[in-house]
Amino acid sequence: MIIMVNSDPRNGEEMGAPFFQATVAAAMDYEVEIVCTATSGQLMKKGVAEALRVKAGSDKSVYDFIKDAHDAGVKFYCCSPNLDLFDMTEADLIPECSGIVGGAHVIEEVMENDDVKVLTY
């Protein structure tokens, strides 16, 4: 399963569903990748997700949701244009990010693997 996250991180309430559903899918033994693209690519930058909350006043940050998903086996990727878009380098990425992928990654997975499902947010 590939989850494409293109939600705006400034809307913290949008961040819970993709990470929670990825965690559940991984706990059900599905292979899950989250690709953060466009504005959500900022979530892969150290410090950004830690400052965001899904619910105002909650102790749990968006980064906590990311760590939960990662601990369940979810692989996170940053879309390559985000590095330039948000003035990031690979060194700026959170440790849970498995790497950088381009747009062809998702297209190739969908077209070449009949078992791949994609959810978008």
N, C-alpha and C. Protein backbone atom coordinates (compact mmCIF):
# COMPACT_ATOMS: atom_id res chain seq x y z
N MET A 1 0.85 -1.16 0.00
CA MET A 1 0.00 0.00 0.00
C MET A 1 0.89 1.23 0.00
N ILE A 2 0.56 2.16 -0.84
CA ILE A 2 1.25 3.45 -0.86
C ILE A 2 0.26 4.50 -0.43
N ILE A 3 0.67 5.33 0.51
CA ILE A 3 -0.16 6.44 0.94
C ILE A 3 0.54 7.72 0.51
N MET A 4 -0.12 8.46 -0.37
CA MET A 4 0.40 9.75 -0.83
C MET A 4 -0.17 10.82 0.06
N VAL A 5 0.70 11.53 0.75
CA VAL A 5 0.25 12.60 1.61
C VAL A 5 0.62 13.92 0.96
N ASN A 6 -0.40 14.70 0.62
CA ASN A 6 -0.21 16.01 0.03
C ASN A 6 -1.06 17.03 0.79
N SER A 7 -1.41 16.70 2.02
CA SER A 7 -2.18 17.61 2.86
C SER A 7 -1.26 18.72 3.37
N ASP A 8 -1.86 19.83 3.70
CA ASP A 8 -1.10 20.96 4.21
C ASP A 8 -0.84 20.76 5.70
N PRO A 9 0.41 20.64 6.12
CA PRO A 9 0.71 20.40 7.53
C PRO A 9 0.21 21.51 8.46
N ARG A 10 -0.07 22.68 7.92
CA ARG A 10 -0.61 23.75 8.78
C ARG A 10 -2.00 23.41 9.28
N ASN A 11 -2.63 22.42 8.65
CA ASN A 11 -3.94 21.92 9.08
C ASN A 11 -3.71 20.60 9.80
N GLY A 12 -3.28 20.69 11.05
CA GLY A 12 -2.88 19.50 11.81
C GLY A 12 -3.92 18.40 11.84
N GLU A 13 -5.20 18.78 11.85
CA GLU A 13 -6.25 17.77 11.91
C GLU A 13 -6.25 16.87 10.68
N GLU A 14 -5.64 17.32 9.58
CA GLU A 14 -5.55 16.50 8.38
C GLU A 14 -4.44 15.44 8.47
N MET A 15 -3.58 15.57 9.46
CA MET A 15 -2.41 14.71 9.53
C MET A 15 -2.67 13.39 10.25
N GLY A 16 -3.70 13.30 11.05
CA GLY A 16 -3.94 12.08 11.81
C GLY A 16 -4.30 10.89 10.96
N ALA A 17 -5.26 11.06 10.06
CA ALA A 17 -5.79 9.92 9.30
C ALA A 17 -4.73 9.17 8.49
N PRO A 18 -3.90 9.84 7.68
CA PRO A 18 -2.96 9.04 6.88
C PRO A 18 -1.96 8.26 7.73
N PHE A 19 -1.48 8.87 8.81
CA PHE A 19 -0.49 8.19 9.63
C PHE A 19 -1.13 7.09 10.47
N PHE A 20 -2.32 7.34 10.98
CA PHE A 20 -3.00 6.32 11.76
C PHE A 20 -3.38 5.13 10.88
N GLN A 21 -3.93 5.40 9.70
CA GLN A 21 -4.31 4.29 8.81
C GLN A 21 -3.09 3.51 8.34
N ALA A 22 -1.99 4.19 8.12
CA ALA A 22 -0.76 3.49 7.75
C ALA A 22 -0.29 2.58 8.88
N THR A 23 -0.39 3.08 10.11
CA THR A 23 -0.01 2.27 11.27
C THR A 23 -0.87 1.03 11.38
N VAL A 24 -2.16 1.19 11.20
CA VAL A 24 -3.08 0.05 11.26
C VAL A 24 -2.76 -0.95 10.16
N ALA A 25 -2.54 -0.48 8.94
CA ALA A 25 -2.23 -1.38 7.82
C ALA A 25 -0.93 -2.13 8.07
N ALA A 26 0.07 -1.45 8.58
CA ALA A 26 1.35 -2.12 8.88
C ALA A 26 1.16 -3.15 10.00
N ALA A 27 0.35 -2.82 10.99
CA ALA A 27 0.08 -3.76 12.08
C ALA A 27 -0.66 -4.99 11.57
N MET A 28 -1.36 -4.83 10.44
CA MET A 28 -2.06 -5.96 9.81
C MET A 28 -1.15 -6.71 8.84
N ASP A 29 0.15 -6.41 8.91
CA ASP A 29 1.20 -7.06 8.11
C ASP A 29 1.19 -6.69 6.64
N TYR A 30 0.63 -5.53 6.30
CA TYR A 30 0.75 -5.04 4.93
C TYR A 30 2.04 -4.22 4.83
N GLU A 31 2.67 -4.28 3.67
CA GLU A 31 3.81 -3.41 3.42
C GLU A 31 3.26 -2.04 3.08
N VAL A 32 3.71 -1.02 3.80
CA VAL A 32 3.15 0.32 3.64
C VAL A 32 4.27 1.33 3.44
N GLU A 33 4.09 2.18 2.44
CA GLU A 33 4.98 3.31 2.21
C GLU A 33 4.15 4.58 2.27
N ILE A 34 4.70 5.59 2.92
CA ILE A 34 4.10 6.92 2.86
C ILE A 34 5.06 7.81 2.10
N VAL A 35 4.55 8.44 1.06
CA VAL A 35 5.33 9.40 0.28
C VAL A 35 4.77 10.78 0.59
N CYS A 36 5.60 11.62 1.21
CA CYS A 36 5.19 12.99 1.50
C CYS A 36 5.62 13.86 0.34
N THR A 37 4.64 14.49 -0.27
CA THR A 37 4.90 15.26 -1.47
C THR A 37 4.30 16.66 -1.34
N ALA A 38 4.79 17.57 -2.16
CA ALA A 38 4.34 18.97 -2.14
C ALA A 38 4.45 19.52 -0.72
N THR A 39 3.44 20.22 -0.24
CA THR A 39 3.51 20.90 1.04
C THR A 39 3.79 19.95 2.19
N SER A 40 3.25 18.75 2.14
CA SER A 40 3.47 17.80 3.24
C SER A 40 4.91 17.31 3.31
N GLY A 41 5.69 17.56 2.28
CA GLY A 41 7.10 17.19 2.33
C GLY A 41 7.83 17.84 3.48
N GLN A 42 7.30 18.95 3.96
CA GLN A 42 7.90 19.62 5.12
C GLN A 42 7.90 18.73 6.36
N LEU A 43 6.97 17.79 6.42
CA LEU A 43 6.89 16.89 7.57
C LEU A 43 8.12 16.01 7.72
N MET A 44 8.84 15.83 6.64
CA MET A 44 10.05 15.00 6.70
C MET A 44 11.26 15.79 7.19
N LYS A 45 11.09 17.10 7.40
CA LYS A 45 12.17 17.95 7.87
C LYS A 45 12.18 17.96 9.40
N LYS A 46 13.34 17.76 9.97
CA LYS A 46 13.48 17.76 11.42
C LYS A 46 12.86 19.01 12.02
N GLY A 47 12.08 18.81 13.07
CA GLY A 47 11.50 19.92 13.80
C GLY A 47 10.11 20.35 13.37
N VAL A 48 9.72 20.04 12.15
CA VAL A 48 8.42 20.51 11.65
C VAL A 48 7.27 19.72 12.28
N ALA A 49 7.29 18.40 12.16
CA ALA A 49 6.18 17.58 12.67
C ALA A 49 6.09 17.63 14.19
N GLU A 50 7.23 17.86 14.87
CA GLU A 50 7.21 17.95 16.33
C GLU A 50 6.38 19.13 16.81
N ALA A 51 6.31 20.17 16.01
CA ALA A 51 5.61 21.40 16.39
C ALA A 51 4.12 21.36 16.06
N LEU A 52 3.67 20.32 15.40
CA LEU A 52 2.28 20.25 14.95
C LEU A 52 1.47 19.28 15.79
N ARG A 53 0.21 19.60 15.97
CA ARG A 53 -0.71 18.75 16.71
C ARG A 53 -1.91 18.45 15.82
N VAL A 54 -2.41 17.20 15.91
CA VAL A 54 -3.62 16.84 15.19
C VAL A 54 -4.82 17.52 15.85
N LYS A 55 -4.76 17.63 17.16
CA LYS A 55 -5.82 18.28 17.93
C LYS A 55 -5.17 19.31 18.85
N ALA A 56 -5.69 20.51 18.80
CA ALA A 56 -5.15 21.57 19.65
C ALA A 56 -5.16 21.13 21.11
N GLY A 57 -4.05 21.38 21.79
CA GLY A 57 -3.93 21.05 23.20
C GLY A 57 -3.49 19.63 23.49
N SER A 58 -3.38 18.81 22.47
CA SER A 58 -2.95 17.42 22.65
C SER A 58 -1.46 17.35 22.96
N ASP A 59 -1.09 16.39 23.78
CA ASP A 59 0.33 16.17 24.06
C ASP A 59 1.01 15.44 22.90
N LYS A 60 0.22 14.78 22.06
CA LYS A 60 0.78 13.96 20.98
C LYS A 60 0.96 14.81 19.72
N SER A 61 2.20 14.86 19.25
CA SER A 61 2.52 15.64 18.06
C SER A 61 2.32 14.80 16.80
N VAL A 62 2.31 15.47 15.67
CA VAL A 62 2.27 14.75 14.39
C VAL A 62 3.50 13.85 14.28
N TYR A 63 4.62 14.30 14.81
CA TYR A 63 5.83 13.47 14.79
C TYR A 63 5.62 12.19 15.59
N ASP A 64 4.86 12.25 16.68
CA ASP A 64 4.55 11.03 17.43
C ASP A 64 3.76 10.04 16.57
N PHE A 65 2.83 10.56 15.75
CA PHE A 65 2.10 9.69 14.83
C PHE A 65 3.06 9.06 13.81
N ILE A 66 4.01 9.85 13.33
CA ILE A 66 5.00 9.35 12.37
C ILE A 66 5.83 8.26 13.02
N LYS A 67 6.29 8.49 14.25
CA LYS A 67 7.10 7.48 14.95
C LYS A 67 6.30 6.21 15.19
N ASP A 68 5.02 6.33 15.56
CA ASP A 68 4.17 5.15 15.76
C ASP A 68 4.08 4.34 14.46
N ALA A 69 3.85 5.03 13.36
CA ALA A 69 3.74 4.35 12.06
C ALA A 69 5.06 3.68 11.71
N HIS A 70 6.15 4.39 11.91
CA HIS A 70 7.47 3.84 11.60
C HIS A 70 7.74 2.60 12.46
N ASP A 71 7.41 2.68 13.74
CA ASP A 71 7.61 1.54 14.64
C ASP A 71 6.78 0.33 14.22
N ALA A 72 5.64 0.58 13.57
CA ALA A 72 4.79 -0.52 13.08
C ALA A 72 5.30 -1.09 11.77
N GLY A 73 6.29 -0.42 11.14
CA GLY A 73 6.87 -0.94 9.91
C GLY A 73 6.66 -0.09 8.68
N VAL A 74 6.01 1.06 8.82
CA VAL A 74 5.76 1.94 7.69
C VAL A 74 7.08 2.58 7.25
N LYS A 75 7.29 2.63 5.94
CA LYS A 75 8.46 3.30 5.38
C LYS A 75 8.03 4.67 4.87
N PHE A 76 8.78 5.68 5.26
CA PHE A 76 8.49 7.05 4.85
C PHE A 76 9.47 7.51 3.79
N TYR A 77 8.97 8.26 2.81
CA TYR A 77 9.81 8.82 1.76
C TYR A 77 9.46 10.28 1.54
N CYS A 78 10.46 11.03 1.18
CA CYS A 78 10.30 12.44 0.83
C CYS A 78 10.39 12.54 -0.69
N CYS A 79 9.48 13.24 -1.30
CA CYS A 79 9.51 13.44 -2.74
C CYS A 79 10.66 14.39 -3.09
N SER A 80 11.44 14.04 -4.09
CA SER A 80 12.68 14.76 -4.39
C SER A 80 12.52 16.27 -4.63
N PRO A 81 11.48 16.75 -5.29
CA PRO A 81 11.38 18.20 -5.49
C PRO A 81 11.26 18.99 -4.18
N ASN A 82 10.85 18.31 -3.11
CA ASN A 82 10.70 19.00 -1.82
C ASN A 82 12.02 19.51 -1.28
N LEU A 83 13.11 18.85 -1.62
CA LEU A 83 14.41 19.32 -1.12
C LEU A 83 14.67 20.74 -1.57
N ASP A 84 14.45 20.99 -2.85
CA ASP A 84 14.66 22.33 -3.39
C ASP A 84 13.55 23.28 -2.93
N LEU A 85 12.32 22.80 -2.96
CA LEU A 85 11.18 23.64 -2.62
C LEU A 85 11.27 24.21 -1.20
N PHE A 86 11.76 23.39 -0.27
CA PHE A 86 11.80 23.81 1.13
C PHE A 86 13.22 23.97 1.65
N ASP A 87 14.17 24.16 0.74
CA ASP A 87 15.58 24.38 1.12
C ASP A 87 16.08 23.34 2.11
N MET A 88 15.87 22.07 1.77
CA MET A 88 16.31 20.97 2.62
C MET A 88 17.43 20.21 1.94
N THR A 89 18.21 19.54 2.76
CA THR A 89 19.17 18.56 2.28
C THR A 89 18.80 17.22 2.91
N GLU A 90 19.44 16.16 2.48
CA GLU A 90 19.18 14.86 3.08
C GLU A 90 19.47 14.88 4.57
N ALA A 91 20.43 15.66 4.99
CA ALA A 91 20.79 15.76 6.41
C ALA A 91 19.67 16.38 7.24
N ASP A 92 18.76 17.11 6.60
CA ASP A 92 17.65 17.75 7.30
C ASP A 92 16.49 16.80 7.58
N LEU A 93 16.51 15.62 6.98
CA LEU A 93 15.37 14.71 7.08
C LEU A 93 15.34 13.99 8.43
N ILE A 94 14.12 13.73 8.90
CA ILE A 94 13.95 13.00 10.16
C ILE A 94 14.50 11.58 10.00
N PRO A 95 14.93 10.95 11.09
CA PRO A 95 15.50 9.61 10.99
C PRO A 95 14.52 8.56 10.47
N GLU A 96 13.23 8.80 10.61
CA GLU A 96 12.22 7.84 10.13
C GLU A 96 12.07 7.86 8.62
N CYS A 97 12.62 8.85 7.96
CA CYS A 97 12.54 8.93 6.50
C CYS A 97 13.56 7.97 5.88
N SER A 98 13.05 7.04 5.08
CA SER A 98 13.91 6.02 4.47
C SER A 98 14.65 6.52 3.25
N GLY A 99 14.29 7.69 2.75
CA GLY A 99 14.99 8.21 1.59
C GLY A 99 14.14 9.14 0.76
N ILE A 100 14.66 9.42 -0.41
CA ILE A 100 14.05 10.37 -1.33
C ILE A 100 13.63 9.62 -2.58
N VAL A 101 12.40 9.89 -3.03
CA VAL A 101 11.91 9.26 -4.26
C VAL A 101 11.37 10.34 -5.19
N GLY A 102 11.39 10.06 -6.47
CA GLY A 102 10.83 10.95 -7.47
C GLY A 102 9.43 10.51 -7.84
N GLY A 103 8.78 11.29 -8.67
CA GLY A 103 7.43 10.98 -9.10
C GLY A 103 7.31 9.63 -9.80
N ALA A 104 8.37 9.20 -10.44
CA ALA A 104 8.32 7.92 -11.15
C ALA A 104 8.18 6.74 -10.20
N HIS A 105 8.58 6.91 -8.95
CA HIS A 105 8.50 5.80 -7.98
C HIS A 105 7.07 5.31 -7.83
N VAL A 106 6.15 6.21 -7.57
CA VAL A 106 4.76 5.81 -7.36
C VAL A 106 4.16 5.27 -8.65
N ILE A 107 4.43 5.93 -9.75
CA ILE A 107 3.88 5.47 -11.03
C ILE A 107 4.38 4.07 -11.37
N GLU A 108 5.66 3.85 -11.18
CA GLU A 108 6.23 2.52 -11.47
C GLU A 108 5.62 1.45 -10.56
N GLU A 109 5.47 1.76 -9.27
CA GLU A 109 4.88 0.78 -8.35
C GLU A 109 3.45 0.44 -8.75
N VAL A 110 2.68 1.45 -9.13
CA VAL A 110 1.29 1.23 -9.50
C VAL A 110 1.18 0.45 -10.81
N MET A 111 2.00 0.80 -11.78
CA MET A 111 1.89 0.19 -13.09
C MET A 111 2.53 -1.20 -13.17
N GLU A 112 3.55 -1.44 -12.37
CA GLU A 112 4.29 -2.70 -12.46
C GLU A 112 3.86 -3.74 -11.43
N ASN A 113 3.12 -3.34 -10.42
CA ASN A 113 2.77 -4.26 -9.34
C ASN A 113 1.26 -4.28 -9.16
N ASP A 114 0.64 -5.36 -9.57
CA ASP A 114 -0.80 -5.48 -9.50
C ASP A 114 -1.34 -5.49 -8.07
N ASP A 115 -0.47 -5.74 -7.10
CA ASP A 115 -0.91 -5.81 -5.71
C ASP A 115 -0.88 -4.45 -4.99
N VAL A 116 -0.38 -3.42 -5.65
CA VAL A 116 -0.25 -2.12 -5.00
C VAL A 116 -1.57 -1.37 -5.00
N LYS A 117 -1.90 -0.83 -3.84
CA LYS A 117 -3.06 0.04 -3.68
C LYS A 117 -2.54 1.39 -3.24
N VAL A 118 -3.20 2.46 -3.65
CA VAL A 118 -2.77 3.80 -3.29
C VAL A 118 -3.92 4.56 -2.63
N LEU A 119 -3.63 5.13 -1.47
CA LEU A 119 -4.56 6.04 -0.82
C LEU A 119 -3.95 7.43 -0.89
N THR A 120 -4.77 8.44 -1.11
CA THR A 120 -4.23 9.80 -1.16
C THR A 120 -4.95 10.68 -0.15
N TYR A 121 -4.19 11.60 0.38
CA TYR A 121 -4.72 12.57 1.36
C TYR A 121 -4.27 13.95 0.99
